[in-house]
Amino acid sequence: MYCRGIRGATTVEHNEEREILHATAELLSTIIAENGLSPEDIAYVYITVTNDLDATFPARAIRGMEGWDLVPLMCGLEIPVKGALPLCIRLLVTVNTTKTQKEMNHVYLNEARVLRPDLARR
């Protein structure tokens, strides 16, 4: 068994609670589906947002998903680099798995596809 990290990112159009919660849930759900995971496989999820997103904690979206109440979650701010992609939510999902690094499916949605075009599949 190995501990692997799966990256993901997405963007929202506005700093609004509803959008942030929806985008976070969509991103995590896509990561879970594309990697065949369940909450029991997850060691923890680290969530960052750009400093223009302060309407809510994105972890609220994950805590509201069935089976995720015991998964450790942590939110933080992305480093505010000039010219960085705005209105962006990033996830680092750390999983316990027998899969190799190459078998991990990273997910980049919406405008966040520009962050890692080599990994963005949508």
PDB file of N, CA and C in Angstrom:
ATOM      1  N   MET A   1       0.851  -1.180   0.000  1.00  0.00           N
ATOM      2  CA  MET A   1       0.000   0.000   0.000  1.00  0.00           C
ATOM      3  C   MET A   1       0.896   1.242   0.000  1.00  0.00           C
ATOM      4  N   TYR A   2       0.526   2.201  -0.818  1.00  0.00           N
ATOM      5  CA  TYR A   2       1.274   3.453  -0.931  1.00  0.00           C
ATOM      6  C   TYR A   2       0.377   4.634  -0.587  1.00  0.00           C
ATOM      7  N   CYS A   3       0.995   5.726  -0.216  1.00  0.00           N
ATOM      8  CA  CYS A   3       0.286   6.988  -0.025  1.00  0.00           C
ATOM      9  C   CYS A   3       0.552   7.830  -1.270  1.00  0.00           C
ATOM     10  N   ARG A   4      -0.490   8.184  -2.003  1.00  0.00           N
ATOM     11  CA  ARG A   4      -0.367   8.935  -3.253  1.00  0.00           C
ATOM     12  C   ARG A   4      -1.173  10.225  -3.170  1.00  0.00           C
ATOM     13  N   GLY A   5      -0.718  11.215  -3.905  1.00  0.00           N
ATOM     14  CA  GLY A   5      -1.434  12.479  -3.977  1.00  0.00           C
ATOM     15  C   GLY A   5      -2.097  12.648  -5.327  1.00  0.00           C
ATOM     16  N   ILE A   6      -3.323  13.126  -5.302  1.00  0.00           N
ATOM     17  CA  ILE A   6      -4.059  13.428  -6.527  1.00  0.00           C
ATOM     18  C   ILE A   6      -4.375  14.910  -6.513  1.00  0.00           C
ATOM     19  N   ARG A   7      -3.964  15.602  -7.560  1.00  0.00           N
ATOM     20  CA  ARG A   7      -4.178  17.042  -7.663  1.00  0.00           C
ATOM     21  C   ARG A   7      -5.450  17.332  -8.431  1.00  0.00           C
ATOM     22  N   GLY A   8      -6.048  18.446  -8.078  1.00  0.00           N
ATOM     23  CA  GLY A   8      -7.206  18.910  -8.812  1.00  0.00           C
ATOM     24  C   GLY A   8      -7.387  20.395  -8.599  1.00  0.00           C
ATOM     25  N   ALA A   9      -8.013  21.042  -9.561  1.00  0.00           N
ATOM     26  CA  ALA A   9      -8.296  22.470  -9.430  1.00  0.00           C
ATOM     27  C   ALA A   9      -9.492  22.823 -10.303  1.00  0.00           C
ATOM     28  N   THR A  10     -10.161  23.879  -9.904  1.00  0.00           N
ATOM     29  CA  THR A  10     -11.286  24.406 -10.663  1.00  0.00           C
ATOM     30  C   THR A  10     -11.390  25.894 -10.388  1.00  0.00           C
ATOM     31  N   THR A  11     -12.263  26.547 -11.096  1.00  0.00           N
ATOM     32  CA  THR A  11     -12.499  27.971 -10.871  1.00  0.00           C
ATOM     33  C   THR A  11     -13.990  28.225 -10.742  1.00  0.00           C
ATOM     34  N   VAL A  12     -14.302  29.368 -10.161  1.00  0.00           N
ATOM     35  CA  VAL A  12     -15.677  29.851 -10.096  1.00  0.00           C
ATOM     36  C   VAL A  12     -15.723  31.205 -10.795  1.00  0.00           C
ATOM     37  N   GLU A  13     -16.926  31.658 -11.112  1.00  0.00           N
ATOM     38  CA  GLU A  13     -17.061  32.953 -11.774  1.00  0.00           C
ATOM     39  C   GLU A  13     -17.163  34.102 -10.782  1.00  0.00           C
ATOM     40  N   HIS A  14     -17.695  33.806  -9.588  1.00  0.00           N
ATOM     41  CA  HIS A  14     -17.910  34.854  -8.586  1.00  0.00           C
ATOM     42  C   HIS A  14     -17.558  34.338  -7.195  1.00  0.00           C
ATOM     43  N   ASN A  15     -17.199  35.236  -6.318  1.00  0.00           N
ATOM     44  CA  ASN A  15     -16.921  34.915  -4.919  1.00  0.00           C
ATOM     45  C   ASN A  15     -18.248  34.790  -4.176  1.00  0.00           C
ATOM     46  N   GLU A  16     -18.956  33.705  -4.456  1.00  0.00           N
ATOM     47  CA  GLU A  16     -20.260  33.458  -3.849  1.00  0.00           C
ATOM     48  C   GLU A  16     -20.271  32.072  -3.216  1.00  0.00           C
ATOM     49  N   GLU A  17     -20.857  31.995  -2.037  1.00  0.00           N
ATOM     50  CA  GLU A  17     -20.896  30.741  -1.286  1.00  0.00           C
ATOM     51  C   GLU A  17     -21.398  29.575  -2.127  1.00  0.00           C
ATOM     52  N   ARG A  18     -22.522  29.772  -2.785  1.00  0.00           N
ATOM     53  CA  ARG A  18     -23.134  28.699  -3.569  1.00  0.00           C
ATOM     54  C   ARG A  18     -22.179  28.181  -4.645  1.00  0.00           C
ATOM     55  N   GLU A  19     -21.522  29.089  -5.351  1.00  0.00           N
ATOM     56  CA  GLU A  19     -20.592  28.694  -6.414  1.00  0.00           C
ATOM     57  C   GLU A  19     -19.383  27.942  -5.857  1.00  0.00           C
ATOM     58  N   ILE A  20     -18.844  28.431  -4.760  1.00  0.00           N
ATOM     59  CA  ILE A  20     -17.665  27.793  -4.156  1.00  0.00           C
ATOM     60  C   ILE A  20     -18.003  26.379  -3.688  1.00  0.00           C
ATOM     61  N   LEU A  21     -19.138  26.225  -3.022  1.00  0.00           N
ATOM     62  CA  LEU A  21     -19.536  24.904  -2.534  1.00  0.00           C
ATOM     63  C   LEU A  21     -19.806  23.945  -3.687  1.00  0.00           C
ATOM     64  N   HIS A  22     -20.505  24.428  -4.704  1.00  0.00           N
ATOM     65  CA  HIS A  22     -20.814  23.585  -5.865  1.00  0.00           C
ATOM     66  C   HIS A  22     -19.537  23.154  -6.589  1.00  0.00           C
ATOM     67  N   ALA A  23     -18.642  24.106  -6.843  1.00  0.00           N
ATOM     68  CA  ALA A  23     -17.408  23.802  -7.577  1.00  0.00           C
ATOM     69  C   ALA A  23     -16.518  22.833  -6.800  1.00  0.00           C
ATOM     70  N   THR A  24     -16.454  22.994  -5.486  1.00  0.00           N
ATOM     71  CA  THR A  24     -15.639  22.101  -4.658  1.00  0.00           C
ATOM     72  C   THR A  24     -16.195  20.683  -4.691  1.00  0.00           C
ATOM     73  N   ALA A  25     -17.504  20.551  -4.521  1.00  0.00           N
ATOM     74  CA  ALA A  25     -18.134  19.225  -4.553  1.00  0.00           C
ATOM     75  C   ALA A  25     -17.972  18.577  -5.927  1.00  0.00           C
ATOM     76  N   GLU A  26     -18.129  19.364  -6.980  1.00  0.00           N
ATOM     77  CA  GLU A  26     -17.966  18.836  -8.338  1.00  0.00           C
ATOM     78  C   GLU A  26     -16.537  18.340  -8.563  1.00  0.00           C
ATOM     79  N   LEU A  27     -15.561  19.117  -8.125  1.00  0.00           N
ATOM     80  CA  LEU A  27     -14.164  18.738  -8.307  1.00  0.00           C
ATOM     81  C   LEU A  27     -13.841  17.453  -7.549  1.00  0.00           C
ATOM     82  N   LEU A  28     -14.208  17.393  -6.281  1.00  0.00           N
ATOM     83  CA  LEU A  28     -13.913  16.189  -5.505  1.00  0.00           C
ATOM     84  C   LEU A  28     -14.654  14.981  -6.067  1.00  0.00           C
ATOM     85  N   SER A  29     -15.910  15.144  -6.424  1.00  0.00           N
ATOM     86  CA  SER A  29     -16.683  14.028  -6.986  1.00  0.00           C
ATOM     87  C   SER A  29     -16.045  13.498  -8.261  1.00  0.00           C
ATOM     88  N   THR A  30     -15.517  14.396  -9.083  1.00  0.00           N
ATOM     89  CA  THR A  30     -14.860  13.983 -10.323  1.00  0.00           C
ATOM     90  C   THR A  30     -13.562  13.240 -10.023  1.00  0.00           C
ATOM     91  N   ILE A  31     -12.787  13.749  -9.076  1.00  0.00           N
ATOM     92  CA  ILE A  31     -11.546  13.069  -8.680  1.00  0.00           C
ATOM     93  C   ILE A  31     -11.854  11.660  -8.174  1.00  0.00           C
ATOM     94  N   ILE A  32     -12.868  11.546  -7.329  1.00  0.00           N
ATOM     95  CA  ILE A  32     -13.250  10.254  -6.755  1.00  0.00           C
ATOM     96  C   ILE A  32     -13.694   9.289  -7.852  1.00  0.00           C
ATOM     97  N   ALA A  33     -14.544   9.770  -8.762  1.00  0.00           N
ATOM     98  CA  ALA A  33     -15.050   8.913  -9.837  1.00  0.00           C
ATOM     99  C   ALA A  33     -13.931   8.468 -10.779  1.00  0.00           C
ATOM    100  N   GLU A  34     -13.061   9.388 -11.157  1.00  0.00           N
ATOM    101  CA  GLU A  34     -12.009   9.062 -12.126  1.00  0.00           C
ATOM    102  C   GLU A  34     -10.902   8.190 -11.538  1.00  0.00           C
ATOM    103  N   ASN A  35     -10.866   8.090 -10.212  1.00  0.00           N
ATOM    104  CA  ASN A  35      -9.839   7.268  -9.570  1.00  0.00           C
ATOM    105  C   ASN A  35     -10.414   6.056  -8.843  1.00  0.00           C
ATOM    106  N   GLY A  36     -11.726   5.866  -8.923  1.00  0.00           N
ATOM    107  CA  GLY A  36     -12.354   4.710  -8.299  1.00  0.00           C
ATOM    108  C   GLY A  36     -12.146   4.647  -6.799  1.00  0.00           C
ATOM    109  N   LEU A  37     -12.331   5.786  -6.127  1.00  0.00           N
ATOM    110  CA  LEU A  37     -12.056   5.883  -4.691  1.00  0.00           C
ATOM    111  C   LEU A  37     -13.328   5.947  -3.860  1.00  0.00           C
ATOM    112  N   SER A  38     -13.171   5.675  -2.573  1.00  0.00           N
ATOM    113  CA  SER A  38     -14.231   5.889  -1.592  1.00  0.00           C
ATOM    114  C   SER A  38     -13.619   6.684  -0.441  1.00  0.00           C
ATOM    115  N   PRO A  39     -14.435   7.266   0.433  1.00  0.00           N
ATOM    116  CA  PRO A  39     -13.880   8.026   1.555  1.00  0.00           C
ATOM    117  C   PRO A  39     -12.904   7.218   2.412  1.00  0.00           C
ATOM    118  N   GLU A  40     -13.082   5.917   2.513  1.00  0.00           N
ATOM    119  CA  GLU A  40     -12.182   5.071   3.309  1.00  0.00           C
ATOM    120  C   GLU A  40     -10.764   5.029   2.747  1.00  0.00           C
ATOM    121  N   ASP A  41     -10.612   5.342   1.468  1.00  0.00           N
ATOM    122  CA  ASP A  41      -9.290   5.343   0.832  1.00  0.00           C
ATOM    123  C   ASP A  41      -8.508   6.627   1.106  1.00  0.00           C
ATOM    124  N   ILE A  42      -9.178   7.644   1.608  1.00  0.00           N
ATOM    125  CA  ILE A  42      -8.599   8.981   1.715  1.00  0.00           C
ATOM    126  C   ILE A  42      -7.903   9.168   3.060  1.00  0.00           C
ATOM    127  N   ALA A  43      -6.644   9.607   3.023  1.00  0.00           N
ATOM    128  CA  ALA A  43      -5.923   9.947   4.256  1.00  0.00           C
ATOM    129  C   ALA A  43      -6.335  11.341   4.716  1.00  0.00           C
ATOM    130  N   TYR A  44      -6.328  12.294   3.787  1.00  0.00           N
ATOM    131  CA  TYR A  44      -6.784  13.656   4.074  1.00  0.00           C
ATOM    132  C   TYR A  44      -6.921  14.428   2.774  1.00  0.00           C
ATOM    133  N   VAL A  45      -7.604  15.573   2.848  1.00  0.00           N
ATOM    134  CA  VAL A  45      -7.737  16.479   1.710  1.00  0.00           C
ATOM    135  C   VAL A  45      -7.271  17.856   2.150  1.00  0.00           C
ATOM    136  N   TYR A  46      -6.329  18.406   1.400  1.00  0.00           N
ATOM    137  CA  TYR A  46      -5.856  19.772   1.645  1.00  0.00           C
ATOM    138  C   TYR A  46      -6.428  20.651   0.545  1.00  0.00           C
ATOM    139  N   ILE A  47      -7.089  21.717   0.944  1.00  0.00           N
ATOM    140  CA  ILE A  47      -7.796  22.603   0.030  1.00  0.00           C
ATOM    141  C   ILE A  47      -7.186  23.990   0.119  1.00  0.00           C
ATOM    142  N   THR A  48      -6.890  24.582  -1.032  1.00  0.00           N
ATOM    143  CA  THR A  48      -6.467  25.979  -1.024  1.00  0.00           C
ATOM    144  C   THR A  48      -7.370  26.780  -1.947  1.00  0.00           C
ATOM    145  N   VAL A  49      -7.459  28.063  -1.638  1.00  0.00           N
ATOM    146  CA  VAL A  49      -8.197  28.999  -2.485  1.00  0.00           C
ATOM    147  C   VAL A  49      -7.336  30.233  -2.708  1.00  0.00           C
ATOM    148  N   THR A  50      -7.589  30.907  -3.801  1.00  0.00           N
ATOM    149  CA  THR A  50      -6.925  32.182  -4.028  1.00  0.00           C
ATOM    150  C   THR A  50      -7.541  33.210  -3.084  1.00  0.00           C
ATOM    151  N   ASN A  51      -6.802  34.288  -2.814  1.00  0.00           N
ATOM    152  CA  ASN A  51      -7.254  35.231  -1.783  1.00  0.00           C
ATOM    153  C   ASN A  51      -8.474  36.051  -2.182  1.00  0.00           C
ATOM    154  N   ASP A  52      -8.989  35.863  -3.385  1.00  0.00           N
ATOM    155  CA  ASP A  52     -10.220  36.538  -3.793  1.00  0.00           C
ATOM    156  C   ASP A  52     -11.466  35.699  -3.488  1.00  0.00           C
ATOM    157  N   LEU A  53     -11.283  34.545  -2.858  1.00  0.00           N
ATOM    158  CA  LEU A  53     -12.410  33.686  -2.468  1.00  0.00           C
ATOM    159  C   LEU A  53     -12.506  33.626  -0.948  1.00  0.00           C
ATOM    160  N   ASP A  54     -13.461  34.367  -0.409  1.00  0.00           N
ATOM    161  CA  ASP A  54     -13.631  34.393   1.046  1.00  0.00           C
ATOM    162  C   ASP A  54     -15.094  34.327   1.480  1.00  0.00           C
ATOM    163  N   ALA A  55     -15.973  33.860   0.583  1.00  0.00           N
ATOM    164  CA  ALA A  55     -17.399  33.806   0.905  1.00  0.00           C
ATOM    165  C   ALA A  55     -17.756  32.620   1.801  1.00  0.00           C
ATOM    166  N   THR A  56     -16.928  31.576   1.791  1.00  0.00           N
ATOM    167  CA  THR A  56     -17.176  30.396   2.618  1.00  0.00           C
ATOM    168  C   THR A  56     -15.928  29.516   2.641  1.00  0.00           C
ATOM    169  N   PHE A  57     -15.929  28.553   3.533  1.00  0.00           N
ATOM    170  CA  PHE A  57     -14.878  27.539   3.563  1.00  0.00           C
ATOM    171  C   PHE A  57     -15.258  26.436   2.566  1.00  0.00           C
ATOM    172  N   PRO A  58     -14.425  26.139   1.586  1.00  0.00           N
ATOM    173  CA  PRO A  58     -14.776  25.082   0.641  1.00  0.00           C
ATOM    174  C   PRO A  58     -14.893  23.702   1.297  1.00  0.00           C
ATOM    175  N   ALA A  59     -14.259  23.496   2.424  1.00  0.00           N
ATOM    176  CA  ALA A  59     -14.367  22.211   3.123  1.00  0.00           C
ATOM    177  C   ALA A  59     -15.808  21.906   3.523  1.00  0.00           C
ATOM    178  N   ARG A  60     -16.627  22.932   3.668  1.00  0.00           N
ATOM    179  CA  ARG A  60     -18.045  22.713   3.998  1.00  0.00           C
ATOM    180  C   ARG A  60     -18.721  21.828   2.967  1.00  0.00           C
ATOM    181  N   ALA A  61     -18.350  21.992   1.703  1.00  0.00           N
ATOM    182  CA  ALA A  61     -18.953  21.184   0.642  1.00  0.00           C
ATOM    183  C   ALA A  61     -18.617  19.712   0.834  1.00  0.00           C
ATOM    184  N   ILE A  62     -17.379  19.435   1.224  1.00  0.00           N
ATOM    185  CA  ILE A  62     -16.942  18.051   1.393  1.00  0.00           C
ATOM    186  C   ILE A  62     -17.552  17.452   2.651  1.00  0.00           C
ATOM    187  N   ARG A  63     -17.608  18.224   3.723  1.00  0.00           N
ATOM    188  CA  ARG A  63     -18.205  17.720   4.968  1.00  0.00           C
ATOM    189  C   ARG A  63     -19.665  17.346   4.775  1.00  0.00           C
ATOM    190  N   GLY A  64     -20.313  17.983   3.809  1.00  0.00           N
ATOM    191  CA  GLY A  64     -21.718  17.700   3.538  1.00  0.00           C
ATOM    192  C   GLY A  64     -21.950  16.481   2.662  1.00  0.00           C
ATOM    193  N   MET A  65     -20.878  15.892   2.144  1.00  0.00           N
ATOM    194  CA  MET A  65     -21.020  14.717   1.287  1.00  0.00           C
ATOM    195  C   MET A  65     -21.099  13.456   2.154  1.00  0.00           C
ATOM    196  N   GLU A  66     -21.974  12.551   1.778  1.00  0.00           N
ATOM    197  CA  GLU A  66     -22.177  11.342   2.576  1.00  0.00           C
ATOM    198  C   GLU A  66     -20.897  10.520   2.688  1.00  0.00           C
ATOM    199  N   GLY A  67     -20.549  10.144   3.929  1.00  0.00           N
ATOM    200  CA  GLY A  67     -19.389   9.313   4.189  1.00  0.00           C
ATOM    201  C   GLY A  67     -18.092  10.073   4.406  1.00  0.00           C
ATOM    202  N   TRP A  68     -18.130  11.395   4.291  1.00  0.00           N
ATOM    203  CA  TRP A  68     -16.913  12.204   4.389  1.00  0.00           C
ATOM    204  C   TRP A  68     -16.742  12.875   5.741  1.00  0.00           C
ATOM    205  N   ASP A  69     -17.595  12.594   6.694  1.00  0.00           N
ATOM    206  CA  ASP A  69     -17.560  13.285   7.984  1.00  0.00           C
ATOM    207  C   ASP A  69     -16.314  12.974   8.812  1.00  0.00           C
ATOM    208  N   LEU A  70     -15.636  11.853   8.562  1.00  0.00           N
ATOM    209  CA  LEU A  70     -14.443  11.498   9.334  1.00  0.00           C
ATOM    210  C   LEU A  70     -13.131  11.748   8.587  1.00  0.00           C
ATOM    211  N   VAL A  71     -13.215  12.178   7.339  1.00  0.00           N
ATOM    212  CA  VAL A  71     -12.003  12.445   6.550  1.00  0.00           C
ATOM    213  C   VAL A  71     -11.421  13.790   6.979  1.00  0.00           C
ATOM    214  N   PRO A  72     -10.153  13.843   7.367  1.00  0.00           N
ATOM    215  CA  PRO A  72      -9.541  15.115   7.756  1.00  0.00           C
ATOM    216  C   PRO A  72      -9.472  16.082   6.570  1.00  0.00           C
ATOM    217  N   LEU A  73      -9.901  17.316   6.821  1.00  0.00           N
ATOM    218  CA  LEU A  73      -9.899  18.369   5.805  1.00  0.00           C
ATOM    219  C   LEU A  73      -9.188  19.589   6.358  1.00  0.00           C
ATOM    220  N   MET A  74      -8.458  20.287   5.505  1.00  0.00           N
ATOM    221  CA  MET A  74      -7.776  21.514   5.922  1.00  0.00           C
ATOM    222  C   MET A  74      -7.833  22.503   4.767  1.00  0.00           C
ATOM    223  N   CYS A  75      -8.186  23.749   5.091  1.00  0.00           N
ATOM    224  CA  CYS A  75      -8.212  24.822   4.091  1.00  0.00           C
ATOM    225  C   CYS A  75      -7.051  25.775   4.322  1.00  0.00           C
ATOM    226  N   GLY A  76      -6.563  26.361   3.248  1.00  0.00           N
ATOM    227  CA  GLY A  76      -5.506  27.356   3.330  1.00  0.00           C
ATOM    228  C   GLY A  76      -5.577  28.291   2.137  1.00  0.00           C
ATOM    229  N   LEU A  77      -4.784  29.359   2.207  1.00  0.00           N
ATOM    230  CA  LEU A  77      -4.700  30.314   1.103  1.00  0.00           C
ATOM    231  C   LEU A  77      -3.536  29.963   0.195  1.00  0.00           C
ATOM    232  N   GLU A  78      -3.768  30.073  -1.085  1.00  0.00           N
ATOM    233  CA  GLU A  78      -2.706  29.932  -2.080  1.00  0.00           C
ATOM    234  C   GLU A  78      -1.782  31.137  -1.949  1.00  0.00           C
ATOM    235  N   ILE A  79      -0.537  30.985  -2.284  1.00  0.00           N
ATOM    236  CA  ILE A  79       0.399  32.113  -2.276  1.00  0.00           C
ATOM    237  C   ILE A  79      -0.083  33.129  -3.313  1.00  0.00           C
ATOM    238  N   PRO A  80      -0.233  34.397  -2.940  1.00  0.00           N
ATOM    239  CA  PRO A  80      -0.766  35.405  -3.873  1.00  0.00           C
ATOM    240  C   PRO A  80       0.289  35.895  -4.872  1.00  0.00           C
ATOM    241  N   VAL A  81       0.536  35.105  -5.891  1.00  0.00           N
ATOM    242  CA  VAL A  81       1.517  35.442  -6.919  1.00  0.00           C
ATOM    243  C   VAL A  81       0.857  36.335  -7.969  1.00  0.00           C
ATOM    244  N   LYS A  82       1.529  37.411  -8.346  1.00  0.00           N
ATOM    245  CA  LYS A  82       1.001  38.313  -9.374  1.00  0.00           C
ATOM    246  C   LYS A  82       0.771  37.541 -10.664  1.00  0.00           C
ATOM    247  N   GLY A  83      -0.401  37.764 -11.243  1.00  0.00           N
ATOM    248  CA  GLY A  83      -0.740  37.114 -12.502  1.00  0.00           C
ATOM    249  C   GLY A  83      -1.268  35.704 -12.364  1.00  0.00           C
ATOM    250  N   ALA A  84      -1.408  35.221 -11.141  1.00  0.00           N
ATOM    251  CA  ALA A  84      -1.919  33.862 -10.932  1.00  0.00           C
ATOM    252  C   ALA A  84      -3.398  33.786 -11.312  1.00  0.00           C
ATOM    253  N   LEU A  85      -3.844  32.595 -11.612  1.00  0.00           N
ATOM    254  CA  LEU A  85      -5.234  32.362 -11.974  1.00  0.00           C
ATOM    255  C   LEU A  85      -6.151  32.771 -10.819  1.00  0.00           C
ATOM    256  N   PRO A  86      -7.099  33.683 -11.053  1.00  0.00           N
ATOM    257  CA  PRO A  86      -7.994  34.122  -9.977  1.00  0.00           C
ATOM    258  C   PRO A  86      -9.156  33.152  -9.761  1.00  0.00           C
ATOM    259  N   LEU A  87      -9.830  33.335  -8.624  1.00  0.00           N
ATOM    260  CA  LEU A  87     -11.050  32.601  -8.302  1.00  0.00           C
ATOM    261  C   LEU A  87     -10.857  31.085  -8.426  1.00  0.00           C
ATOM    262  N   CYS A  88      -9.754  30.612  -7.887  1.00  0.00           N
ATOM    263  CA  CYS A  88      -9.344  29.219  -8.078  1.00  0.00           C
ATOM    264  C   CYS A  88      -9.369  28.433  -6.765  1.00  0.00           C
ATOM    265  N   ILE A  89      -9.892  27.222  -6.857  1.00  0.00           N
ATOM    266  CA  ILE A  89      -9.932  26.267  -5.750  1.00  0.00           C
ATOM    267  C   ILE A  89      -9.053  25.090  -6.147  1.00  0.00           C
ATOM    268  N   ARG A  90      -8.133  24.713  -5.266  1.00  0.00           N
ATOM    269  CA  ARG A  90      -7.240  23.582  -5.540  1.00  0.00           C
ATOM    270  C   ARG A  90      -7.405  22.522  -4.449  1.00  0.00           C
ATOM    271  N   LEU A  91      -7.307  21.264  -4.847  1.00  0.00           N
ATOM    272  CA  LEU A  91      -7.369  20.153  -3.901  1.00  0.00           C
ATOM    273  C   LEU A  91      -6.122  19.291  -4.038  1.00  0.00           C
ATOM    274  N   LEU A  92      -5.633  18.829  -2.913  1.00  0.00           N
ATOM    275  CA  LEU A  92      -4.630  17.763  -2.878  1.00  0.00           C
ATOM    276  C   LEU A  92      -5.274  16.644  -2.067  1.00  0.00           C
ATOM    277  N   VAL A  93      -5.676  15.597  -2.753  1.00  0.00           N
ATOM    278  CA  VAL A  93      -6.339  14.458  -2.122  1.00  0.00           C
ATOM    279  C   VAL A  93      -5.279  13.383  -1.915  1.00  0.00           C
ATOM    280  N   THR A  94      -4.995  13.068  -0.672  1.00  0.00           N
ATOM    281  CA  THR A  94      -3.980  12.074  -0.345  1.00  0.00           C
ATOM    282  C   THR A  94      -4.681  10.751  -0.064  1.00  0.00           C
ATOM    283  N   VAL A  95      -4.301   9.730  -0.840  1.00  0.00           N
ATOM    284  CA  VAL A  95      -5.009   8.454  -0.785  1.00  0.00           C
ATOM    285  C   VAL A  95      -4.072   7.305  -0.442  1.00  0.00           C
ATOM    286  N   ASN A  96      -4.635   6.279   0.151  1.00  0.00           N
ATOM    287  CA  ASN A  96      -3.932   5.022   0.394  1.00  0.00           C
ATOM    288  C   ASN A  96      -4.362   4.063  -0.709  1.00  0.00           C
ATOM    289  N   THR A  97      -3.382   3.581  -1.479  1.00  0.00           N
ATOM    290  CA  THR A  97      -3.715   2.799  -2.662  1.00  0.00           C
ATOM    291  C   THR A  97      -2.563   1.884  -3.051  1.00  0.00           C
ATOM    292  N   THR A  98      -2.874   0.916  -3.876  1.00  0.00           N
ATOM    293  CA  THR A  98      -1.837   0.069  -4.456  1.00  0.00           C
ATOM    294  C   THR A  98      -1.476   0.541  -5.866  1.00  0.00           C
ATOM    295  N   LYS A  99      -2.138   1.577  -6.349  1.00  0.00           N
ATOM    296  CA  LYS A  99      -1.879   2.100  -7.698  1.00  0.00           C
ATOM    297  C   LYS A  99      -0.547   2.845  -7.757  1.00  0.00           C
ATOM    298  N   THR A 100       0.006   2.914  -8.958  1.00  0.00           N
ATOM    299  CA  THR A 100       1.245   3.654  -9.181  1.00  0.00           C
ATOM    300  C   THR A 100       0.935   5.134  -9.400  1.00  0.00           C
ATOM    301  N   GLN A 101       1.974   5.961  -9.365  1.00  0.00           N
ATOM    302  CA  GLN A 101       1.803   7.391  -9.634  1.00  0.00           C
ATOM    303  C   GLN A 101       1.159   7.611 -10.998  1.00  0.00           C
ATOM    304  N   LYS A 102       1.575   6.842 -11.992  1.00  0.00           N
ATOM    305  CA  LYS A 102       1.047   7.009 -13.352  1.00  0.00           C
ATOM    306  C   LYS A 102      -0.428   6.652 -13.456  1.00  0.00           C
ATOM    307  N   GLU A 103      -0.919   5.880 -12.516  1.00  0.00           N
ATOM    308  CA  GLU A 103      -2.326   5.479 -12.544  1.00  0.00           C
ATOM    309  C   GLU A 103      -3.250   6.504 -11.886  1.00  0.00           C
ATOM    310  N   MET A 104      -2.686   7.503 -11.241  1.00  0.00           N
ATOM    311  CA  MET A 104      -3.487   8.543 -10.602  1.00  0.00           C
ATOM    312  C   MET A 104      -4.023   9.493 -11.675  1.00  0.00           C
ATOM    313  N   ASN A 105      -5.315   9.783 -11.614  1.00  0.00           N
ATOM    314  CA  ASN A 105      -5.949  10.690 -12.572  1.00  0.00           C
ATOM    315  C   ASN A 105      -6.178  12.040 -11.909  1.00  0.00           C
ATOM    316  N   HIS A 106      -5.384  13.018 -12.289  1.00  0.00           N
ATOM    317  CA  HIS A 106      -5.515  14.379 -11.776  1.00  0.00           C
ATOM    318  C   HIS A 106      -6.611  15.082 -12.571  1.00  0.00           C
ATOM    319  N   VAL A 107      -7.317  16.004 -11.929  1.00  0.00           N
ATOM    320  CA  VAL A 107      -8.493  16.615 -12.553  1.00  0.00           C
ATOM    321  C   VAL A 107      -8.390  18.134 -12.506  1.00  0.00           C
ATOM    322  N   TYR A 108      -8.494  18.747 -13.666  1.00  0.00           N
ATOM    323  CA  TYR A 108      -8.483  20.212 -13.777  1.00  0.00           C
ATOM    324  C   TYR A 108      -9.707  20.626 -14.572  1.00  0.00           C
ATOM    325  N   LEU A 109     -10.582  21.388 -13.942  1.00  0.00           N
ATOM    326  CA  LEU A 109     -11.849  21.786 -14.546  1.00  0.00           C
ATOM    327  C   LEU A 109     -11.886  23.287 -14.814  1.00  0.00           C
ATOM    328  N   ASN A 110     -12.762  23.668 -15.714  1.00  0.00           N
ATOM    329  CA  ASN A 110     -13.019  25.078 -16.032  1.00  0.00           C
ATOM    330  C   ASN A 110     -11.726  25.791 -16.416  1.00  0.00           C
ATOM    331  N   GLU A 111     -11.536  27.007 -15.936  1.00  0.00           N
ATOM    332  CA  GLU A 111     -10.352  27.790 -16.306  1.00  0.00           C
ATOM    333  C   GLU A 111      -9.062  27.218 -15.717  1.00  0.00           C
ATOM    334  N   ALA A 112      -9.183  26.333 -14.745  1.00  0.00           N
ATOM    335  CA  ALA A 112      -7.995  25.750 -14.107  1.00  0.00           C
ATOM    336  C   ALA A 112      -7.252  24.784 -15.024  1.00  0.00           C
ATOM    337  N   ARG A 113      -7.833  24.454 -16.151  1.00  0.00           N
ATOM    338  CA  ARG A 113      -7.144  23.574 -17.101  1.00  0.00           C
ATOM    339  C   ARG A 113      -5.804  24.147 -17.537  1.00  0.00           C
ATOM    340  N   VAL A 114      -5.674  25.475 -17.498  1.00  0.00           N
ATOM    341  CA  VAL A 114      -4.416  26.109 -17.926  1.00  0.00           C
ATOM    342  C   VAL A 114      -3.281  25.858 -16.931  1.00  0.00           C
ATOM    343  N   LEU A 115      -3.609  25.478 -15.706  1.00  0.00           N
ATOM    344  CA  LEU A 115      -2.574  25.262 -14.694  1.00  0.00           C
ATOM    345  C   LEU A 115      -1.676  24.081 -15.030  1.00  0.00           C
ATOM    346  N   ARG A 116      -2.270  23.017 -15.495  1.00  0.00           N
ATOM    347  CA  ARG A 116      -1.516  21.803 -15.831  1.00  0.00           C
ATOM    348  C   ARG A 116      -2.101  21.185 -17.102  1.00  0.00           C
ATOM    349  N   PRO A 117      -1.861  21.817 -18.248  1.00  0.00           N
ATOM    350  CA  PRO A 117      -2.427  21.266 -19.482  1.00  0.00           C
ATOM    351  C   PRO A 117      -1.948  19.842 -19.768  1.00  0.00           C
ATOM    352  N   ASP A 118      -0.801  19.488 -19.223  1.00  0.00           N
ATOM    353  CA  ASP A 118      -0.288  18.131 -19.402  1.00  0.00           C
ATOM    354  C   ASP A 118      -1.116  17.101 -18.640  1.00  0.00           C
ATOM    355  N   LEU A 119      -1.830  17.552 -17.612  1.00  0.00           N
ATOM    356  CA  LEU A 119      -2.643  16.633 -16.812  1.00  0.00           C
ATOM    357  C   LEU A 119      -4.137  16.798 -17.048  1.00  0.00           C
ATOM    358  N   ALA A 120      -4.553  17.947 -17.578  1.00  0.00           N
ATOM    359  CA  ALA A 120      -5.978  18.215 -17.797  1.00  0.00           C
ATOM    360  C   ALA A 120      -6.487  17.328 -18.923  1.00  0.00           C
ATOM    361  N   ARG A 121      -7.533  16.575 -18.629  1.00  0.00           N
ATOM    362  CA  ARG A 121      -8.071  15.651 -19.627  1.00  0.00           C
ATOM    363  C   ARG A 121      -9.433  16.075 -20.119  1.00  0.00           C
ATOM    364  N   ARG A 122      -9.978  17.170 -19.597  1.00  0.00           N
ATOM    365  CA  ARG A 122     -11.321  17.613 -19.998  1.00  0.00           C
ATOM    366  C   ARG A 122     -11.249  18.957 -20.656  1.00  0.00           C
TER     367      ARG A 122
END
